[in-house]
Structure formats: C-alpha cells, structure tokens
Amino acid sequence: MPDDSVYYDSYKEDRDLILEYNQVSLDDVNVINICGIGIDNLTRVQAVVKVIRMADSGGVFHIMSMNPYKMHKLKFNTDLLNISSKADIHLAAGAGMQAAAKILKNPIKERIPTISFMMDIVRIAEVKEYPIFLVGGRPESTEQAFFNIKKSFPKVRIVGRHGGFFNPEREKSVIEAMKKSQAKIIFIGMGFPKEDIWIDKIKQDFTNSIFISVGGCLDIISGQDKKAPAFFMDRGLDWLFRIMIRPWRIGRFLRVILFYIQVIYTRLRGKN
C-alpha cells in the first residue's frame, strides 16, 4: 500500500523558482582541500544552480555527496579515490564535514543533506521539465519512492525506474532503458561505494545526463526506512541515528573516528 505519510511540498504556488535561481551568483564558489580531497564550498542553492547549468549546457556529470565515512574510505582506497577525482561536484553532506573544515581553518559555507538536495533537484526538474530516472533500493522501495515523488510533484517527468539489485545480464537492459529514456537527471541509490563505482563504469555510455549518487534516499522517500527524527537531523546526527537502529554498522562509526584523528593530525602538521 502507498505510504501517505511521506510528502514533500513543492511550494510552487507562491514561489518563482526560475527567477530565484537566476538571481543566484556562483562567483564565490570554490573548492577546499580536506585531507587531500577537494570539496565544493557552496550553499545548497548554489549547488542546485550548478546542476541547472549542467543540465542546460549538456554533457555527462557525476555528483557525489561526501561525509567522514566516505572520506576515510577514499583516503585508503586508490581505486575509489580515482573515481572521486573524476566526479564533477563533491557536496559536503555530512555534518562532520563542516566540523573537519573548521578544524582545518577552512570553513564550509553550508551542509547540504543529500535527501534535501535531491528534493530540490526534483522540484526544479518539475518546473524545467527535466526527465528523471531512478535506480536503486529494493524494487518495492523504488516503486513506492516513485509514487511518493509523483504525489508531491505531480508534473515531474519520471521516465523510468529500476531496483538497485540486478545481475550482469539484467544490468545491460537497465543501462539500455536509461539511455533510451533520455533522462537528464539520474538518481542512483545503491549505497556507497557501489553506486559511485557503477556511475563511473557506465557514464561513458551516455551523452547528456547528470548522475547523482543518493545512497539510501530512495528507501527513505519510499517510507521503507525510517527518517531520523528532527532532533538528529537538525544537529547533523542522522548518521548516529542510523547506527542506533542498526548497531551492526558500528564499523562506520569507527571510520568516522579515524577520519577525525586524521583531520587533527593534519591540522597539527599545518597542512590540508
């Protein structure tokens, strides 16, 4: 049954989104160095404007959302680091990214939560008629996420969707469906690092698409996974809530601790 508790207000009735975004400047956007990895230093609104300009200019792009867990994995995995270096935007999604940047005396303007950013993109895609494709999550979650997005944004063009679990043979048909759909925005929610590895593998087969890795957002939008309460979300502690309800993921927490040790060591050495 559809989950009617999941709804995202588009605010179309009292906002001219195109006018708002056209007035946003990107002149002060830059990239900061956090322990050798570049993070785009921009606001959430500026991130959306960058996506709009990518979509309107054409080409293939890869957007990654970064947090301390991912940063630590990248630092010690050459293949993942290489994939990351080819991505076009690295968003500071985790609250820990702001803390790390502050320690390194190179502050980040704003944390950009992945699910909020995703909904911003869906909202502008509805207005500008960008076709969207969803890949990821369990098949039932993907279908429910599709339903909930359409409920919130009735005019958005979701031209295809597929669960995130498939064998190599099925993979070919999924890629072919994505290409035939001519989707401008493709949300991939397979979890890190699988989703970014897959994006890097297939993106050369496309000519005019923006791939955005969204982790478990489709499961959250579908209502299959519980969203962190406001107390945790407001403080950037959604990751802690997920560990509390899934204690077997404690290894992720240990990686976060190791990341902060690395950040402090880098600060003491006077290098980024």
C-alpha atoms as a PDB file:
ATOM      1  CA  MET A   1       0.000   0.000   0.000  1.00  0.00           C
ATOM      2  CA  PRO A   2       1.232   3.548  -0.699  1.00  0.00           C
ATOM      3  CA  ASP A   3       2.755   5.338   2.250  1.00  0.00           C
ATOM      4  CA  ASP A   4       0.718   8.545   2.550  1.00  0.00           C
ATOM      5  CA  SER A   5       2.890   9.807   5.398  1.00  0.00           C
ATOM      6  CA  VAL A   6       5.732  10.705   3.045  1.00  0.00           C
ATOM      7  CA  TYR A   7       5.105  14.006   1.307  1.00  0.00           C
ATOM      8  CA  TYR A   8       7.321  16.830   0.075  1.00  0.00           C
ATOM      9  CA  ASP A   9       5.756  20.242  -0.519  1.00  0.00           C
ATOM     10  CA  SER A  10       6.818  21.817  -3.810  1.00  0.00           C
ATOM     11  CA  TYR A  11       5.908  25.404  -2.758  1.00  0.00           C
ATOM     12  CA  LYS A  12       5.036  26.146  -6.401  1.00  0.00           C
ATOM     13  CA  GLU A  13       2.031  28.249  -5.508  1.00  0.00           C
ATOM     14  CA  ASP A  14       3.965  31.172  -4.026  1.00  0.00           C
ATOM     15  CA  ARG A  15       7.456  30.945  -5.481  1.00  0.00           C
ATOM     16  CA  ASP A  16       9.009  31.742  -8.852  1.00  0.00           C
ATOM     17  CA  LEU A  17      11.804  29.175  -8.690  1.00  0.00           C
ATOM     18  CA  ILE A  18      13.369  30.078 -12.029  1.00  0.00           C
ATOM     19  CA  LEU A  19      13.602  33.744 -11.051  1.00  0.00           C
ATOM     20  CA  GLU A  20      15.074  32.842  -7.658  1.00  0.00           C
ATOM     21  CA  TYR A  21      17.751  30.598  -9.114  1.00  0.00           C
ATOM     22  CA  ASN A  22      18.574  33.024 -11.941  1.00  0.00           C
ATOM     23  CA  GLN A  23      19.471  35.612  -9.304  1.00  0.00           C
ATOM     24  CA  VAL A  24      21.996  33.332  -7.583  1.00  0.00           C
ATOM     25  CA  SER A  25      25.670  34.065  -8.231  1.00  0.00           C
ATOM     26  CA  LEU A  26      28.358  31.378  -8.373  1.00  0.00           C
ATOM     27  CA  ASP A  27      31.235  33.875  -8.284  1.00  0.00           C
ATOM     28  CA  ASP A  28      32.309  32.931  -4.756  1.00  0.00           C
ATOM     29  CA  VAL A  29      32.104  29.153  -5.248  1.00  0.00           C
ATOM     30  CA  ASN A  30      35.422  27.410  -4.731  1.00  0.00           C
ATOM     31  CA  VAL A  31      36.932  24.058  -3.780  1.00  0.00           C
ATOM     32  CA  ILE A  32      38.546  23.490  -0.414  1.00  0.00           C
ATOM     33  CA  ASN A  33      41.060  20.824   0.485  1.00  0.00           C
ATOM     34  CA  ILE A  34      40.171  18.450   3.308  1.00  0.00           C
ATOM     35  CA  CYS A  35      42.989  15.988   3.891  1.00  0.00           C
ATOM     36  CA  GLY A  36      43.875  15.912   0.208  1.00  0.00           C
ATOM     37  CA  ILE A  37      40.324  15.614  -1.151  1.00  0.00           C
ATOM     38  CA  GLY A  38      38.558  18.530  -2.826  1.00  0.00           C
ATOM     39  CA  ILE A  39      35.125  19.524  -1.511  1.00  0.00           C
ATOM     40  CA  ASP A  40      32.966  22.090  -3.290  1.00  0.00           C
ATOM     41  CA  ASN A  41      32.420  25.046  -0.966  1.00  0.00           C
ATOM     42  CA  LEU A  42      28.953  26.263  -1.903  1.00  0.00           C
ATOM     43  CA  THR A  43      25.471  26.667  -0.495  1.00  0.00           C
ATOM     44  CA  ARG A  44      22.582  24.313  -1.211  1.00  0.00           C
ATOM     45  CA  VAL A  45      21.013  26.902  -3.511  1.00  0.00           C
ATOM     46  CA  GLN A  46      24.294  27.325  -5.391  1.00  0.00           C
ATOM     47  CA  ALA A  47      24.544  23.545  -5.763  1.00  0.00           C
ATOM     48  CA  VAL A  48      21.117  23.473  -7.409  1.00  0.00           C
ATOM     49  CA  VAL A  49      22.109  26.326  -9.729  1.00  0.00           C
ATOM     50  CA  LYS A  50      25.213  24.386 -10.774  1.00  0.00           C
ATOM     51  CA  VAL A  51      23.023  21.396 -11.643  1.00  0.00           C
ATOM     52  CA  ILE A  52      20.670  23.619 -13.651  1.00  0.00           C
ATOM     53  CA  ARG A  53      23.593  24.998 -15.631  1.00  0.00           C
ATOM     54  CA  MET A  54      24.939  21.496 -16.232  1.00  0.00           C
ATOM     55  CA  ALA A  55      21.532  20.308 -17.421  1.00  0.00           C
ATOM     56  CA  ASP A  56      21.055  23.276 -19.737  1.00  0.00           C
ATOM     57  CA  SER A  57      24.577  23.104 -21.192  1.00  0.00           C
ATOM     58  CA  GLY A  58      24.543  19.362 -21.884  1.00  0.00           C
ATOM     59  CA  GLY A  59      27.160  16.729 -21.186  1.00  0.00           C
ATOM     60  CA  VAL A  60      27.677  13.968 -18.633  1.00  0.00           C
ATOM     61  CA  PHE A  61      28.326  14.751 -14.966  1.00  0.00           C
ATOM     62  CA  HIS A  62      28.769  12.868 -11.685  1.00  0.00           C
ATOM     63  CA  ILE A  63      27.764  14.390  -8.340  1.00  0.00           C
ATOM     64  CA  MET A  64      28.879  12.805  -5.063  1.00  0.00           C
ATOM     65  CA  SER A  65      27.684  13.534  -1.521  1.00  0.00           C
ATOM     66  CA  MET A  66      30.559  13.359   0.958  1.00  0.00           C
ATOM     67  CA  ASN A  67      30.707  12.521   4.662  1.00  0.00           C
ATOM     68  CA  PRO A  68      33.513  11.491   7.066  1.00  0.00           C
ATOM     69  CA  TYR A  69      32.903   7.779   6.474  1.00  0.00           C
ATOM     70  CA  LYS A  70      33.336   8.165   2.719  1.00  0.00           C
ATOM     71  CA  MET A  71      36.321  10.462   3.156  1.00  0.00           C
ATOM     72  CA  HIS A  72      38.154   7.870   5.203  1.00  0.00           C
ATOM     73  CA  LYS A  73      37.400   5.083   2.732  1.00  0.00           C
ATOM     74  CA  LEU A  74      38.569   7.218  -0.185  1.00  0.00           C
ATOM     75  CA  LYS A  75      41.808   8.088   1.555  1.00  0.00           C
ATOM     76  CA  PHE A  76      42.835   4.451   1.804  1.00  0.00           C
ATOM     77  CA  ASN A  77      41.446   3.057  -1.449  1.00  0.00           C
ATOM     78  CA  THR A  78      43.251   4.159  -4.592  1.00  0.00           C
ATOM     79  CA  ASP A  79      40.510   2.979  -6.951  1.00  0.00           C
ATOM     80  CA  LEU A  80      37.785   4.866  -5.078  1.00  0.00           C
ATOM     81  CA  LEU A  81      39.974   7.939  -4.830  1.00  0.00           C
ATOM     82  CA  ASN A  82      40.470   7.851  -8.597  1.00  0.00           C
ATOM     83  CA  ILE A  83      36.697   7.622  -9.158  1.00  0.00           C
ATOM     84  CA  SER A  84      36.147  10.529  -6.789  1.00  0.00           C
ATOM     85  CA  SER A  85      38.757  12.647  -8.561  1.00  0.00           C
ATOM     86  CA  LYS A  86      36.750  12.335 -11.791  1.00  0.00           C
ATOM     87  CA  ALA A  87      33.455  13.432 -10.197  1.00  0.00           C
ATOM     88  CA  ASP A  88      32.286  16.943 -11.055  1.00  0.00           C
ATOM     89  CA  ILE A  89      30.831  18.057  -7.709  1.00  0.00           C
ATOM     90  CA  HIS A  90      31.567  16.878  -4.155  1.00  0.00           C
ATOM     91  CA  LEU A  91      28.884  18.058  -1.734  1.00  0.00           C
ATOM     92  CA  ALA A  92      29.518  18.387   1.996  1.00  0.00           C
ATOM     93  CA  ALA A  93      26.534  16.251   3.006  1.00  0.00           C
ATOM     94  CA  GLY A  94      27.593  15.086   6.463  1.00  0.00           C
ATOM     95  CA  ALA A  95      27.716  17.479   9.415  1.00  0.00           C
ATOM     96  CA  GLY A  96      31.160  16.098  10.170  1.00  0.00           C
ATOM     97  CA  MET A  97      32.452  17.738   7.011  1.00  0.00           C
ATOM     98  CA  GLN A  98      31.746  21.174   8.463  1.00  0.00           C
ATOM     99  CA  ALA A  99      33.472  20.248  11.703  1.00  0.00           C
ATOM    100  CA  ALA A 100      36.526  18.931   9.848  1.00  0.00           C
ATOM    101  CA  ALA A 101      36.749  22.057   7.699  1.00  0.00           C
ATOM    102  CA  LYS A 102      36.510  24.231  10.804  1.00  0.00           C
ATOM    103  CA  ILE A 103      39.351  22.326  12.463  1.00  0.00           C
ATOM    104  CA  LEU A 104      41.434  22.870   9.337  1.00  0.00           C
ATOM    105  CA  LYS A 105      40.657  26.632   9.426  1.00  0.00           C
ATOM    106  CA  ASN A 106      38.956  26.433   6.049  1.00  0.00           C
ATOM    107  CA  PRO A 107      35.211  26.626   6.804  1.00  0.00           C
ATOM    108  CA  ILE A 108      32.472  25.238   4.571  1.00  0.00           C
ATOM    109  CA  LYS A 109      29.538  27.570   3.842  1.00  0.00           C
ATOM    110  CA  GLU A 110      26.765  25.096   4.393  1.00  0.00           C
ATOM    111  CA  ARG A 111      25.999  21.428   4.932  1.00  0.00           C
ATOM    112  CA  ILE A 112      23.923  20.012   2.049  1.00  0.00           C
ATOM    113  CA  PRO A 113      21.936  16.960   3.216  1.00  0.00           C
ATOM    114  CA  THR A 114      21.540  14.503   0.350  1.00  0.00           C
ATOM    115  CA  ILE A 115      17.801  13.976   0.629  1.00  0.00           C
ATOM    116  CA  SER A 116      17.110  17.733   0.816  1.00  0.00           C
ATOM    117  CA  PHE A 117      19.320  18.335  -2.206  1.00  0.00           C
ATOM    118  CA  MET A 118      17.581  15.518  -4.075  1.00  0.00           C
ATOM    119  CA  MET A 119      14.168  17.057  -3.404  1.00  0.00           C
ATOM    120  CA  ASP A 120      15.441  20.452  -4.572  1.00  0.00           C
ATOM    121  CA  ILE A 121      16.526  18.860  -7.852  1.00  0.00           C
ATOM    122  CA  VAL A 122      13.178  17.076  -8.261  1.00  0.00           C
ATOM    123  CA  ARG A 123      11.382  20.381  -7.610  1.00  0.00           C
ATOM    124  CA  ILE A 124      13.340  22.272 -10.270  1.00  0.00           C
ATOM    125  CA  ALA A 125      13.114  19.296 -12.665  1.00  0.00           C
ATOM    126  CA  GLU A 126       9.327  19.557 -12.447  1.00  0.00           C
ATOM    127  CA  VAL A 127       9.449  23.248 -13.364  1.00  0.00           C
ATOM    128  CA  LYS A 128      12.033  22.922 -16.139  1.00  0.00           C
ATOM    129  CA  GLU A 129      10.704  19.565 -17.385  1.00  0.00           C
ATOM    130  CA  TYR A 130      13.941  17.635 -16.933  1.00  0.00           C
ATOM    131  CA  PRO A 131      13.196  13.902 -17.275  1.00  0.00           C
ATOM    132  CA  ILE A 132      14.298  11.802 -14.287  1.00  0.00           C
ATOM    133  CA  PHE A 133      15.314   8.148 -13.925  1.00  0.00           C
ATOM    134  CA  LEU A 134      15.508   6.342 -10.561  1.00  0.00           C
ATOM    135  CA  VAL A 135      17.827   3.402  -9.897  1.00  0.00           C
ATOM    136  CA  GLY A 136      18.406   1.824  -6.507  1.00  0.00           C
ATOM    137  CA  GLY A 137      16.917   0.276  -3.436  1.00  0.00           C
ATOM    138  CA  ARG A 138      14.680  -2.747  -3.272  1.00  0.00           C
ATOM    139  CA  PRO A 139      12.223  -2.949  -6.194  1.00  0.00           C
ATOM    140  CA  GLU A 140       9.245  -2.297  -3.924  1.00  0.00           C
ATOM    141  CA  SER A 141      11.036   0.692  -2.388  1.00  0.00           C
ATOM    142  CA  THR A 142      11.781   2.164  -5.802  1.00  0.00           C
ATOM    143  CA  GLU A 143       8.136   1.838  -6.830  1.00  0.00           C
ATOM    144  CA  GLN A 144       6.966   3.434  -3.597  1.00  0.00           C
ATOM    145  CA  ALA A 145       9.548   6.228  -3.931  1.00  0.00           C
ATOM    146  CA  PHE A 146       8.229   6.857  -7.447  1.00  0.00           C
ATOM    147  CA  PHE A 147       4.672   7.066  -6.115  1.00  0.00           C
ATOM    148  CA  ASN A 148       5.607   9.440  -3.290  1.00  0.00           C
ATOM    149  CA  ILE A 149       7.606  11.754  -5.547  1.00  0.00           C
ATOM    150  CA  LYS A 150       4.753  11.908  -8.060  1.00  0.00           C
ATOM    151  CA  LYS A 151       2.325  12.603  -5.230  1.00  0.00           C
ATOM    152  CA  SER A 152       4.390  15.591  -4.142  1.00  0.00           C
ATOM    153  CA  PHE A 153       5.345  16.765  -7.640  1.00  0.00           C
ATOM    154  CA  PRO A 154       2.522  15.671  -9.981  1.00  0.00           C
ATOM    155  CA  LYS A 155       4.003  17.169 -13.137  1.00  0.00           C
ATOM    156  CA  VAL A 156       7.529  15.823 -12.737  1.00  0.00           C
ATOM    157  CA  ARG A 157       8.591  13.509 -15.566  1.00  0.00           C
ATOM    158  CA  ILE A 158       9.969  10.281 -14.108  1.00  0.00           C
ATOM    159  CA  VAL A 159      10.685   8.392 -17.308  1.00  0.00           C
ATOM    160  CA  GLY A 160      11.933   5.185 -15.725  1.00  0.00           C
ATOM    161  CA  ARG A 161      12.843   3.390 -12.511  1.00  0.00           C
ATOM    162  CA  HIS A 162      14.519   0.163 -11.502  1.00  0.00           C
ATOM    163  CA  GLY A 163      15.611  -1.503  -8.284  1.00  0.00           C
ATOM    164  CA  GLY A 164      19.286  -1.463  -7.418  1.00  0.00           C
ATOM    165  CA  PHE A 165      19.861  -5.214  -7.342  1.00  0.00           C
ATOM    166  CA  PHE A 166      20.495  -6.936 -10.675  1.00  0.00           C
ATOM    167  CA  ASN A 167      22.874  -9.456 -12.257  1.00  0.00           C
ATOM    168  CA  PRO A 168      25.263  -8.597 -15.133  1.00  0.00           C
ATOM    169  CA  GLU A 169      22.765  -9.740 -17.755  1.00  0.00           C
ATOM    170  CA  ARG A 170      19.985  -7.625 -16.316  1.00  0.00           C
ATOM    171  CA  GLU A 171      22.411  -4.729 -15.973  1.00  0.00           C
ATOM    172  CA  LYS A 172      22.626  -4.413 -19.751  1.00  0.00           C
ATOM    173  CA  SER A 173      18.879  -3.947 -20.105  1.00  0.00           C
ATOM    174  CA  VAL A 174      18.826  -1.421 -17.243  1.00  0.00           C
ATOM    175  CA  ILE A 175      21.532   0.669 -18.921  1.00  0.00           C
ATOM    176  CA  GLU A 176      19.734   0.429 -22.253  1.00  0.00           C
ATOM    177  CA  ALA A 177      16.483   1.579 -20.648  1.00  0.00           C
ATOM    178  CA  MET A 178      18.277   4.511 -19.045  1.00  0.00           C
ATOM    179  CA  LYS A 179      19.778   5.541 -22.380  1.00  0.00           C
ATOM    180  CA  LYS A 180      16.527   5.205 -24.319  1.00  0.00           C
ATOM    181  CA  SER A 181      14.677   7.264 -21.706  1.00  0.00           C
ATOM    182  CA  GLN A 182      16.946  10.265 -22.444  1.00  0.00           C
ATOM    183  CA  ALA A 183      16.774  11.128 -18.740  1.00  0.00           C
ATOM    184  CA  LYS A 184      18.503  14.381 -17.866  1.00  0.00           C
ATOM    185  CA  ILE A 185      18.744  13.582 -14.138  1.00  0.00           C
ATOM    186  CA  ILE A 186      19.598  10.045 -12.980  1.00  0.00           C
ATOM    187  CA  PHE A 187      19.460   9.344  -9.250  1.00  0.00           C
ATOM    188  CA  ILE A 188      21.499   6.282  -8.252  1.00  0.00           C
ATOM    189  CA  GLY A 189      20.801   4.883  -4.783  1.00  0.00           C
ATOM    190  CA  MET A 190      22.826   1.709  -4.334  1.00  0.00           C
ATOM    191  CA  GLY A 191      24.857   2.780  -1.336  1.00  0.00           C
ATOM    192  CA  PHE A 192      28.499   3.823  -1.203  1.00  0.00           C
ATOM    193  CA  PRO A 193      30.799   2.813  -2.816  1.00  0.00           C
ATOM    194  CA  LYS A 194      28.744   0.615  -5.161  1.00  0.00           C
ATOM    195  CA  GLU A 195      26.752   3.492  -6.657  1.00  0.00           C
ATOM    196  CA  ASP A 196      29.776   5.640  -7.476  1.00  0.00           C
ATOM    197  CA  ILE A 197      31.710   2.695  -8.891  1.00  0.00           C
ATOM    198  CA  TRP A 198      28.748   1.912 -11.143  1.00  0.00           C
ATOM    199  CA  ILE A 199      28.320   5.510 -12.253  1.00  0.00           C
ATOM    200  CA  ASP A 200      31.995   5.709 -13.186  1.00  0.00           C
ATOM    201  CA  LYS A 201      31.674   2.434 -15.092  1.00  0.00           C
ATOM    202  CA  ILE A 202      28.639   3.346 -17.217  1.00  0.00           C
ATOM    203  CA  LYS A 203      28.742   7.124 -17.654  1.00  0.00           C
ATOM    204  CA  GLN A 204      30.797   6.943 -20.846  1.00  0.00           C
ATOM    205  CA  ASP A 205      27.768   5.292 -22.500  1.00  0.00           C
ATOM    206  CA  PHE A 206      25.715   8.478 -22.038  1.00  0.00           C
ATOM    207  CA  THR A 207      25.850  11.855 -23.741  1.00  0.00           C
ATOM    208  CA  ASN A 208      23.548  14.194 -21.809  1.00  0.00           C
ATOM    209  CA  SER A 209      22.867  13.046 -18.242  1.00  0.00           C
ATOM    210  CA  ILE A 210      23.658  14.108 -14.684  1.00  0.00           C
ATOM    211  CA  PHE A 211      24.306  11.167 -12.355  1.00  0.00           C
ATOM    212  CA  ILE A 212      23.662  11.931  -8.690  1.00  0.00           C
ATOM    213  CA  SER A 213      24.558   9.348  -6.046  1.00  0.00           C
ATOM    214  CA  VAL A 214      21.923   9.450  -3.301  1.00  0.00           C
ATOM    215  CA  GLY A 215      22.705   6.474  -1.049  1.00  0.00           C
ATOM    216  CA  GLY A 216      19.636   5.263   0.834  1.00  0.00           C
ATOM    217  CA  CYS A 217      17.421   8.243  -0.058  1.00  0.00           C
ATOM    218  CA  LEU A 218      15.036   6.181  -2.184  1.00  0.00           C
ATOM    219  CA  ASP A 219      14.372   3.860   0.756  1.00  0.00           C
ATOM    220  CA  ILE A 220      13.690   6.885   2.978  1.00  0.00           C
ATOM    221  CA  ILE A 221      11.428   8.578   0.424  1.00  0.00           C
ATOM    222  CA  SER A 222       9.523   5.327  -0.003  1.00  0.00           C
ATOM    223  CA  GLY A 223       8.936   5.141   3.733  1.00  0.00           C
ATOM    224  CA  GLN A 224      10.675   1.758   3.924  1.00  0.00           C
ATOM    225  CA  ASP A 225      13.489   3.194   6.051  1.00  0.00           C
ATOM    226  CA  LYS A 226      12.713   5.461   8.971  1.00  0.00           C
ATOM    227  CA  LYS A 227      13.906   9.030   8.611  1.00  0.00           C
ATOM    228  CA  ALA A 228      15.957  10.349  11.512  1.00  0.00           C
ATOM    229  CA  PRO A 229      13.915  12.456  13.981  1.00  0.00           C
ATOM    230  CA  ALA A 230      14.235  16.242  13.780  1.00  0.00           C
ATOM    231  CA  PHE A 231      16.498  16.300  16.858  1.00  0.00           C
ATOM    232  CA  PHE A 232      19.139  14.277  14.984  1.00  0.00           C
ATOM    233  CA  MET A 233      18.577  15.905  11.590  1.00  0.00           C
ATOM    234  CA  ASP A 234      18.878  19.459  12.923  1.00  0.00           C
ATOM    235  CA  ARG A 235      22.220  18.629  14.510  1.00  0.00           C
ATOM    236  CA  GLY A 236      23.568  16.670  11.545  1.00  0.00           C
ATOM    237  CA  LEU A 237      23.454  13.464  13.579  1.00  0.00           C
ATOM    238  CA  ASP A 238      21.308  11.403  11.219  1.00  0.00           C
ATOM    239  CA  TRP A 239      24.273   9.037  10.842  1.00  0.00           C
ATOM    240  CA  LEU A 240      24.240   8.423  14.615  1.00  0.00           C
ATOM    241  CA  PHE A 241      20.524   7.617  14.500  1.00  0.00           C
ATOM    242  CA  ARG A 242      21.140   5.066  11.748  1.00  0.00           C
ATOM    243  CA  ILE A 243      23.831   3.393  13.857  1.00  0.00           C
ATOM    244  CA  MET A 244      21.487   3.332  16.849  1.00  0.00           C
ATOM    245  CA  ILE A 245      18.803   1.466  14.897  1.00  0.00           C
ATOM    246  CA  ARG A 246      21.369  -0.678  13.049  1.00  0.00           C
ATOM    247  CA  PRO A 247      24.134  -1.340  15.577  1.00  0.00           C
ATOM    248  CA  TRP A 248      25.921  -3.739  13.217  1.00  0.00           C
ATOM    249  CA  ARG A 249      27.040  -0.627  11.314  1.00  0.00           C
ATOM    250  CA  ILE A 250      29.311   0.379  14.193  1.00  0.00           C
ATOM    251  CA  GLY A 251      32.266  -0.066  11.835  1.00  0.00           C
ATOM    252  CA  ARG A 252      31.171   3.109  10.075  1.00  0.00           C
ATOM    253  CA  PHE A 253      31.379   4.997  13.354  1.00  0.00           C
ATOM    254  CA  LEU A 254      34.940   3.742  13.871  1.00  0.00           C
ATOM    255  CA  ARG A 255      35.872   5.051  10.429  1.00  0.00           C
ATOM    256  CA  VAL A 256      34.442   8.446  11.387  1.00  0.00           C
ATOM    257  CA  ILE A 257      36.650   8.492  14.498  1.00  0.00           C
ATOM    258  CA  LEU A 258      39.686   7.610  12.393  1.00  0.00           C
ATOM    259  CA  PHE A 259      38.810  10.386   9.960  1.00  0.00           C
ATOM    260  CA  TYR A 260      38.780  12.968  12.771  1.00  0.00           C
ATOM    261  CA  ILE A 261      42.106  11.689  14.058  1.00  0.00           C
ATOM    262  CA  GLN A 262      43.479  12.215  10.570  1.00  0.00           C
ATOM    263  CA  VAL A 263      41.991  15.726  10.405  1.00  0.00           C
ATOM    264  CA  ILE A 264      43.512  16.703  13.768  1.00  0.00           C
ATOM    265  CA  TYR A 265      46.879  15.254  12.766  1.00  0.00           C
ATOM    266  CA  THR A 266      46.750  17.226   9.500  1.00  0.00           C
ATOM    267  CA  ARG A 267      45.952  20.418  11.418  1.00  0.00           C
ATOM    268  CA  LEU A 268      48.831  19.900  13.824  1.00  0.00           C
ATOM    269  CA  ARG A 269      51.180  19.426  10.901  1.00  0.00           C
ATOM    270  CA  GLY A 270      49.880  22.658   9.388  1.00  0.00           C
ATOM    271  CA  LYS A 271      48.814  21.023   6.118  1.00  0.00           C
ATOM    272  CA  ASN A 272      45.472  20.278   4.456  1.00  0.00           C
END
